[in-house]
Protein backbone atom coordinates (compact mmCIF):
# COMPACT_ATOMS: atom_id res chain seq x y z
CA MET A 1 61.80 242.70 25.14
CA VAL A 2 61.68 241.57 28.26
CA PHE A 3 60.67 238.07 27.23
CA PRO A 4 61.47 235.90 24.49
CA THR A 5 59.11 235.19 21.63
CA ASN A 6 57.24 231.84 21.57
CA ASN A 7 60.04 230.37 19.66
CA GLU A 8 62.54 230.91 22.23
CA GLU A 9 60.12 229.31 24.99
CA ARG A 10 63.16 226.68 25.53
CA PHE A 11 65.68 229.21 26.54
CA LEU A 12 63.39 231.03 29.08
CA ALA A 13 62.62 227.30 31.10
CA TRP A 14 66.47 226.39 31.17
CA GLY A 15 66.89 230.37 31.76
CA ASN A 16 64.65 229.64 34.97
CA ILE A 17 64.58 226.07 35.96
CA GLY A 18 68.53 225.55 35.50
CA PRO A 19 69.35 228.12 38.17
CA ILE A 20 66.79 226.91 40.54
CA LEU A 21 68.13 223.49 40.56
CA GLY A 22 71.56 224.46 41.22
CA PRO A 23 70.81 225.53 44.72
CA LEU A 24 68.42 222.57 45.43
CA MET A 25 71.28 220.27 44.67
CA ALA A 26 73.67 222.14 46.29
CA GLY A 27 71.13 222.40 49.58
CA LEU A 28 70.73 218.33 49.87
CA GLY A 29 74.50 218.24 49.17
CA VAL A 30 74.93 220.15 52.32
CA VAL A 31 72.47 218.22 53.99
CA LYS A 32 74.25 214.82 53.36
CA VAL A 33 77.78 215.92 54.11
CA ASN A 34 76.50 217.38 57.58
CA ASN A 35 74.63 214.04 58.18
CA GLY A 36 71.11 215.79 58.55
CA GLY A 37 68.28 214.51 59.93
CA THR A 38 64.88 214.13 58.55
CA PHE A 39 64.10 218.03 59.58
CA GLN A 40 66.82 219.21 57.39
CA TYR A 41 66.09 216.86 54.48
CA SER A 42 62.41 217.46 54.24
CA ALA A 43 62.52 220.95 54.84
CA THR A 44 65.26 221.76 51.77
CA VAL A 45 63.25 219.50 49.84
CA MET A 46 59.85 221.38 50.40
CA LEU A 47 61.97 224.80 50.35
CA GLY A 48 63.21 224.12 46.81
CA SER A 49 60.02 222.29 45.52
CA GLY A 50 58.50 226.02 46.27
CA LEU A 51 61.37 227.67 44.58
CA LEU A 52 60.74 225.51 41.54
CA TYR A 53 56.87 226.12 41.92
CA TYR A 54 57.40 229.55 41.27
CA ALA A 55 60.07 229.19 38.27
CA MET A 56 57.68 226.91 36.41
CA ARG A 57 54.91 229.25 37.26
CA GLN A 58 56.93 232.23 35.63
CA VAL A 59 57.74 230.01 32.45
CA PHE A 60 53.90 229.25 31.77
CA LEU A 61 53.00 232.61 32.53
CA ARG A 62 55.65 234.96 31.15
CA SER A 63 54.37 237.69 32.86
CA ARG A 64 56.05 240.31 35.03
CA ILE A 65 54.32 239.58 38.36
CA ALA A 66 55.41 235.79 38.00
CA ALA A 67 58.91 237.27 37.44
CA ARG A 68 58.55 239.26 40.75
CA GLN A 69 56.96 236.44 42.87
CA LEU A 70 59.92 234.42 41.83
CA LEU A 71 62.59 237.09 42.66
CA GLN A 72 60.79 237.33 46.06
CA ALA A 73 60.62 233.24 46.54
CA THR A 74 64.15 233.26 45.94
CA ILE A 75 64.89 236.48 48.40
CA VAL A 76 62.90 233.95 51.18
CA TYR A 77 64.57 230.82 49.96
CA LEU A 78 67.94 231.67 50.81
CA PRO A 79 68.08 232.91 54.41
CA LEU A 80 65.41 230.23 55.25
CA GLN A 81 67.82 227.44 53.59
CA PHE A 82 70.80 229.05 55.68
CA LEU A 83 68.49 228.80 58.97
CA ILE A 84 68.34 225.08 58.25
CA PHE A 85 71.69 224.63 57.89
CA VAL A 86 72.45 226.44 60.88
CA LEU A 87 69.96 224.96 63.07
CA GLY A 88 70.77 221.05 61.98
CA LYS A 89 74.54 221.63 62.47
CA SER A 90 75.39 218.72 64.71
């Protein structure tokens, strides 16, 4: 069984959303430490909210397709966030 039953929905929610909030908060912290501008803040928030969208979608749909799309969104998120950090470095 890949996904928990209906009684364990909270486990699935925290198992997906918790690890997504970590990189989002870390990204905002890095932007603040680097004295990032509006571009860095807005790009970090947009990328993080897109990743959060796919995590919430996977929680509500609970399908293999949604899980695969969350994996793909994570793979796209990490290099783009790194690129934002490198380009915005003063």
